[in-house]
Amino acid sequence: MHLENPLYYHCYHSPNIDRYGLIRQKDNSFYIVDNDPELLKNVQLVLSKYELLHFVNIDHFFNFIEKTNNIVGTINIQSLTEQHNYHISNAAVNINKDRKQVQQNINNDNCFLFGLSLNTIRALHIDVNHFRLIDNVIQHEHKNDLFDEDVQEKAFLIRRLLYVLKHTDAYLRQFFSLQESIGDFGMSVTKKFFKICNPEDTVIPKLIEEEVETNNRRFESFNTFSQMIFKSINELDLSKSIKNILVDFIEVLETGRKIEADSKKFNKKYNRYYDMHRIKTIVKNDCEKILKHYN
């Protein structure tokens, strides 16, 4: 992926955070790297109807030794320590320590130059199980002729759409939690006060319950609407060009009719609030900025 593409982002090696990648078996090349496993797993699932990529914890091959050493170091059992040391002595990272530098060099601008050891790539599961210590990350001398630039660009597109949706969703949830925190606090104290000092009063507790129900419905409705945007991303026709995919998605967001209809079908108590307009507008605006690159 070219650095000037608006979909591009760096994902450098960090000793404290595992990175994950999607690899294609056909050319034994990584297509995208990310440190958010849930986000990348969803990219894989959305992309799967167009192209199957396999989910790999890239840094596991090197970090697992340190992690297991830390566990053994806290346990005073000599036979366990001896067994552990024997077990990892044949790990690929111990046999060839130069491989660690290979793994650290992976980034999204060069991930196509990296793959997995041949025994690993020939027997891939949907998600790579890291139970064989002989498995390893390898570096190719050049880009494989079978590497598909279109698949990579669409993986980055899906990741961008899901990234913007995920973090906008999180921001807005925090936004209205802060908005309503003083009100929630006030209602909680008021309800307790009336229960103790005026237990015969049924009007105030009922009003409080109705207000709490309204707030809960706002959160539940927003959650439903956000999920239906996610569903719309999954329904995009990935056989089209990047430009046309963006145009289609912008239209879905702009009209909002399908998302609204899906929300009502999914949640019978769904109500429309201004929050729905905010999240779809932010996602749409980001798509329009990306689209300028393809016009």
Protein backbone atom coordinates (compact mmCIF):
# COMPACT_ATOMS: atom_id res chain seq x y z
CA MET A 1 0.00 0.00 0.00
CA HIS A 2 1.38 3.40 -1.03
CA LEU A 3 1.99 5.94 1.71
CA GLU A 4 0.15 8.72 -0.16
CA ASN A 5 -3.10 6.73 -0.26
CA PRO A 6 -5.59 8.18 2.29
CA LEU A 7 -6.40 4.64 3.42
CA TYR A 8 -2.80 4.00 4.46
CA TYR A 9 -1.65 3.97 8.09
CA HIS A 10 1.58 2.90 9.81
CA CYS A 11 1.66 -0.04 12.19
CA TYR A 12 5.18 -0.16 13.58
CA HIS A 13 6.59 -2.85 15.84
CA SER A 14 6.21 -2.26 19.58
CA PRO A 15 7.48 -4.68 22.25
CA ASN A 16 4.38 -4.01 24.35
CA ILE A 17 1.63 -4.57 21.75
CA ASP A 18 1.09 -7.59 19.53
CA ARG A 19 0.33 -6.87 15.90
CA TYR A 20 -1.96 -8.95 13.73
CA GLY A 21 -2.00 -9.50 10.01
CA LEU A 22 -4.13 -10.90 7.21
CA ILE A 23 -2.22 -13.20 4.88
CA ARG A 24 -3.27 -14.80 1.58
CA GLN A 25 -2.29 -18.42 1.09
CA LYS A 26 -2.01 -18.17 -2.69
CA ASP A 27 1.00 -15.84 -2.65
CA ASN A 28 2.09 -16.27 0.99
CA SER A 29 2.03 -12.51 1.54
CA PHE A 30 0.63 -10.29 4.24
CA TYR A 31 -1.92 -7.75 2.99
CA ILE A 32 -2.53 -5.59 6.06
CA VAL A 33 -1.16 -5.24 9.61
CA ASP A 34 -2.96 -3.83 12.65
CA ASN A 35 -2.66 -3.81 16.45
CA ASP A 36 -6.44 -4.05 16.96
CA PRO A 37 -7.30 -7.77 16.63
CA GLU A 38 -11.08 -7.29 16.80
CA LEU A 39 -11.02 -4.66 14.07
CA LEU A 40 -8.81 -6.75 11.80
CA LYS A 41 -10.86 -9.91 12.40
CA ASN A 42 -13.95 -8.01 11.26
CA VAL A 43 -12.06 -6.86 8.16
CA GLN A 44 -11.35 -10.51 7.40
CA LEU A 45 -14.99 -11.49 7.87
CA VAL A 46 -16.37 -8.68 5.71
CA LEU A 47 -13.79 -9.37 3.00
CA SER A 48 -14.34 -13.14 3.06
CA LYS A 49 -17.17 -13.09 0.52
CA TYR A 50 -14.73 -11.48 -1.93
CA GLU A 51 -11.37 -13.02 -0.93
CA LEU A 52 -10.28 -15.33 1.89
CA LEU A 53 -7.40 -13.99 3.97
CA HIS A 54 -6.08 -15.74 7.07
CA PHE A 55 -5.78 -14.09 10.49
CA VAL A 56 -2.33 -14.23 12.11
CA ASN A 57 -0.80 -12.89 15.32
CA ILE A 58 2.47 -11.75 13.76
CA ASP A 59 4.33 -10.92 16.96
CA HIS A 60 3.28 -14.10 18.76
CA PHE A 61 6.13 -16.02 17.14
CA PHE A 62 8.60 -13.91 19.11
CA ASN A 63 6.71 -12.56 22.12
CA PHE A 64 5.36 -15.88 23.38
CA ILE A 65 8.79 -16.98 24.65
CA GLU A 66 9.17 -13.92 26.84
CA LYS A 67 5.56 -14.24 28.04
CA THR A 68 5.97 -17.91 28.99
CA ASN A 69 9.38 -17.23 30.55
CA ASN A 70 7.71 -14.65 32.78
CA ILE A 71 5.13 -17.21 33.89
CA VAL A 72 7.75 -19.89 34.62
CA GLY A 73 9.85 -17.32 36.47
CA THR A 74 7.10 -16.85 39.05
CA ILE A 75 6.80 -20.59 39.75
CA ASN A 76 9.35 -22.49 41.81
CA ILE A 77 9.07 -25.90 40.14
CA GLN A 78 12.40 -27.11 38.72
CA SER A 79 10.93 -29.91 36.61
CA LEU A 80 8.48 -27.46 35.01
CA THR A 81 11.30 -25.01 34.26
CA GLU A 82 13.40 -27.78 32.70
CA GLN A 83 10.49 -28.98 30.58
CA HIS A 84 9.72 -25.42 29.47
CA ASN A 85 13.34 -24.72 28.51
CA TYR A 86 13.50 -27.94 26.49
CA HIS A 87 10.17 -27.15 24.82
CA ILE A 88 11.24 -23.72 23.56
CA SER A 89 14.80 -24.73 22.66
CA ASN A 90 13.57 -25.88 19.25
CA ALA A 91 11.50 -22.77 18.57
CA ALA A 92 12.35 -21.16 15.25
CA VAL A 93 13.11 -17.84 16.94
CA ASN A 94 15.79 -19.51 19.05
CA ILE A 95 17.29 -21.46 16.18
CA ASN A 96 17.57 -18.37 13.99
CA LYS A 97 17.60 -15.20 16.09
CA ASP A 98 17.92 -13.03 12.96
CA ARG A 99 14.28 -13.80 12.26
CA LYS A 100 13.27 -11.51 15.10
CA GLN A 101 14.59 -8.52 13.18
CA VAL A 102 12.66 -9.72 10.13
CA GLN A 103 9.41 -9.67 12.10
CA GLN A 104 10.12 -6.24 13.56
CA ASN A 105 10.52 -4.73 10.09
CA ILE A 106 6.97 -5.51 8.97
CA ASN A 107 4.80 -2.45 8.33
CA ASN A 108 1.90 -1.68 6.01
CA ASP A 109 4.16 -0.21 3.32
CA ASN A 110 6.16 -3.45 2.99
CA CYS A 111 3.99 -6.25 4.42
CA PHE A 112 3.76 -7.83 0.94
CA LEU A 113 7.43 -8.82 1.36
CA PHE A 114 6.62 -11.03 4.36
CA GLY A 115 4.90 -14.37 4.73
CA LEU A 116 4.97 -17.52 6.84
CA SER A 117 7.27 -20.54 6.75
CA LEU A 118 6.26 -23.00 4.04
CA ASN A 119 5.02 -25.72 6.40
CA THR A 120 2.74 -23.16 8.01
CA ILE A 121 1.31 -21.57 4.87
CA ARG A 122 0.52 -24.96 3.33
CA ALA A 123 -1.78 -25.96 6.19
CA LEU A 124 -3.55 -22.76 7.17
CA HIS A 125 -6.73 -22.55 9.21
CA ILE A 126 -9.01 -19.51 8.95
CA ASP A 127 -7.19 -18.26 12.04
CA VAL A 128 -3.61 -19.45 12.34
CA ASN A 129 -3.14 -21.59 15.45
CA HIS A 130 0.25 -20.80 16.95
CA PHE A 131 0.87 -24.17 18.55
CA ARG A 132 3.85 -25.19 16.40
CA LEU A 133 7.11 -23.64 17.53
CA ILE A 134 8.67 -24.30 14.13
CA ASP A 135 6.25 -21.79 12.53
CA ASN A 136 7.83 -18.49 11.68
CA VAL A 137 7.60 -15.22 9.78
CA ILE A 138 9.82 -15.12 6.68
CA GLN A 139 10.87 -12.38 4.27
CA HIS A 140 10.67 -12.66 0.47
CA GLU A 141 13.25 -11.17 -1.86
CA HIS A 142 10.58 -9.43 -3.94
CA LYS A 143 6.82 -9.01 -4.25
CA ASN A 144 5.09 -12.18 -5.43
CA ASP A 145 3.67 -11.90 -8.96
CA LEU A 146 0.36 -13.27 -7.63
CA PHE A 147 0.02 -10.47 -5.07
CA ASP A 148 -3.34 -8.73 -5.64
CA GLU A 149 -3.19 -4.94 -5.18
CA ASP A 150 -6.97 -4.69 -5.51
CA VAL A 151 -7.57 -7.10 -2.62
CA GLN A 152 -5.13 -5.17 -0.46
CA GLU A 153 -6.72 -1.81 -1.22
CA LYS A 154 -10.18 -3.16 -0.41
CA ALA A 155 -8.90 -4.61 2.86
CA PHE A 156 -7.62 -1.14 3.76
CA LEU A 157 -10.92 0.43 2.72
CA ILE A 158 -12.97 -1.91 4.91
CA ARG A 159 -10.59 -1.33 7.78
CA ARG A 160 -10.98 2.44 7.42
CA LEU A 161 -14.79 2.27 7.38
CA LEU A 162 -14.88 -0.01 10.42
CA TYR A 163 -12.25 2.06 12.22
CA VAL A 164 -14.19 5.31 11.79
CA LEU A 165 -17.46 3.64 12.80
CA LYS A 166 -15.94 1.96 15.87
CA HIS A 167 -14.26 5.06 17.27
CA THR A 168 -17.10 7.45 16.43
CA ASP A 169 -19.47 5.04 18.19
CA ALA A 170 -17.20 4.96 21.26
CA TYR A 171 -16.89 8.76 21.33
CA LEU A 172 -20.64 9.37 21.09
CA ARG A 173 -21.39 6.80 23.81
CA GLN A 174 -18.97 8.59 26.09
CA PHE A 175 -20.44 11.93 25.03
CA PHE A 176 -23.97 11.14 26.10
CA SER A 177 -22.85 9.26 29.19
CA LEU A 178 -21.21 12.48 30.33
CA GLN A 179 -24.27 14.47 29.22
CA GLU A 180 -26.63 12.38 31.31
CA SER A 181 -24.39 11.62 34.29
CA ILE A 182 -25.65 14.51 36.44
CA GLY A 183 -29.26 13.69 35.57
CA ASP A 184 -28.76 10.00 36.39
CA PHE A 185 -27.13 10.94 39.68
CA GLY A 186 -29.96 13.33 40.55
CA MET A 187 -32.65 10.78 39.77
CA SER A 188 -30.89 8.10 41.82
CA VAL A 189 -30.64 10.33 44.91
CA THR A 190 -34.22 11.62 44.46
CA LYS A 191 -35.60 8.10 44.20
CA LYS A 192 -33.79 7.08 47.38
CA PHE A 193 -34.95 10.25 49.17
CA PHE A 194 -38.64 9.68 48.38
CA LYS A 195 -38.43 6.01 49.27
CA ILE A 196 -37.26 6.95 52.77
CA CYS A 197 -39.02 10.27 53.44
CA ASN A 198 -42.21 9.99 51.43
CA PRO A 199 -42.88 6.33 50.60
CA GLU A 200 -46.58 7.01 49.89
CA ASP A 201 -45.74 9.21 46.90
CA THR A 202 -46.05 7.24 43.67
CA VAL A 203 -45.89 10.12 41.17
CA ILE A 204 -42.20 11.06 41.52
CA PRO A 205 -40.87 7.45 41.38
CA LYS A 206 -43.00 6.83 38.28
CA LEU A 207 -41.63 9.94 36.57
CA ILE A 208 -38.10 8.85 37.40
CA GLU A 209 -38.72 5.37 35.97
CA GLU A 210 -40.06 6.89 32.76
CA GLU A 211 -37.01 9.14 32.45
CA VAL A 212 -34.66 6.21 33.03
CA GLU A 213 -36.54 4.20 30.40
CA THR A 214 -36.21 7.09 27.92
CA ASN A 215 -32.45 7.28 28.50
CA ASN A 216 -32.07 3.51 28.14
CA ARG A 217 -34.06 3.57 24.91
CA ARG A 218 -31.75 6.28 23.56
CA PHE A 219 -28.70 4.11 24.22
CA GLU A 220 -30.33 0.96 22.85
CA SER A 221 -31.58 2.76 19.73
CA PHE A 222 -28.15 4.26 19.09
CA ASN A 223 -26.54 0.85 19.53
CA THR A 224 -28.98 -0.65 17.02
CA PHE A 225 -28.40 2.14 14.48
CA SER A 226 -24.61 1.76 14.77
CA GLN A 227 -24.89 -2.00 14.28
CA MET A 228 -26.98 -1.49 11.15
CA ILE A 229 -24.29 0.80 9.69
CA PHE A 230 -21.87 -2.07 10.37
CA LYS A 231 -24.31 -4.40 8.57
CA SER A 232 -24.40 -1.99 5.61
CA ILE A 233 -20.60 -2.14 5.35
CA ASN A 234 -20.79 -5.93 5.22
CA GLU A 235 -23.38 -5.72 2.43
CA LEU A 236 -21.23 -3.57 0.11
CA ASP A 237 -20.47 -5.09 -3.30
CA LEU A 238 -16.71 -5.59 -3.13
CA SER A 239 -16.52 -6.70 -6.75
CA LYS A 240 -16.90 -3.01 -7.69
CA SER A 241 -14.11 -0.45 -7.84
CA ILE A 242 -13.11 1.43 -4.67
CA LYS A 243 -14.71 4.58 -6.09
CA ASN A 244 -18.05 2.89 -6.73
CA ILE A 245 -18.03 1.15 -3.34
CA LEU A 246 -17.60 4.53 -1.68
CA VAL A 247 -20.31 6.12 -3.82
CA ASP A 248 -22.73 3.31 -2.91
CA PHE A 249 -21.98 3.57 0.81
CA ILE A 250 -22.26 7.36 0.84
CA GLU A 251 -25.71 7.04 -0.75
CA VAL A 252 -26.78 4.51 1.91
CA LEU A 253 -25.65 6.92 4.62
CA GLU A 254 -27.08 10.02 2.95
CA THR A 255 -30.60 8.69 2.54
CA GLY A 256 -30.49 6.62 5.72
CA ARG A 257 -33.66 4.79 4.68
CA LYS A 258 -32.25 1.29 4.65
CA ILE A 259 -30.35 1.75 7.92
CA GLU A 260 -33.50 3.16 9.53
CA ALA A 261 -35.66 0.30 8.22
CA ASP A 262 -33.14 -2.33 9.37
CA SER A 263 -32.96 -0.68 12.80
CA LYS A 264 -36.75 -0.82 13.24
CA LYS A 265 -36.80 -4.44 12.13
CA PHE A 266 -33.93 -5.38 14.45
CA ASN A 267 -35.21 -3.48 17.51
CA LYS A 268 -38.96 -3.13 18.01
CA LYS A 269 -38.41 -0.36 20.59
CA TYR A 270 -36.15 1.62 18.26
CA ASN A 271 -36.61 5.40 18.29
CA ARG A 272 -34.81 7.94 16.19
CA TYR A 273 -32.60 10.49 17.98
CA TYR A 274 -30.17 13.17 16.83
CA ASP A 275 -27.28 10.86 17.80
CA MET A 276 -28.05 8.72 14.74
CA HIS A 277 -27.63 11.72 12.46
CA ARG A 278 -24.29 12.53 14.07
CA ILE A 279 -22.71 9.09 13.62
CA LYS A 280 -23.84 8.63 10.02
CA THR A 281 -22.72 12.18 9.13
CA ILE A 282 -19.23 11.66 10.58
CA VAL A 283 -18.81 8.34 8.74
CA LYS A 284 -20.19 9.88 5.52
CA ASN A 285 -17.88 12.90 5.72
CA ASP A 286 -14.85 10.64 6.10
CA CYS A 287 -15.94 8.61 3.06
CA GLU A 288 -16.32 11.79 0.99
CA LYS A 289 -12.77 12.84 1.87
CA ILE A 290 -11.44 9.47 0.76
CA LEU A 291 -13.51 9.62 -2.44
CA LYS A 292 -11.73 12.80 -3.53
CA HIS A 293 -8.55 10.73 -3.95
CA TYR A 294 -10.33 8.48 -6.47
CA ASN A 295 -12.09 11.18 -8.51
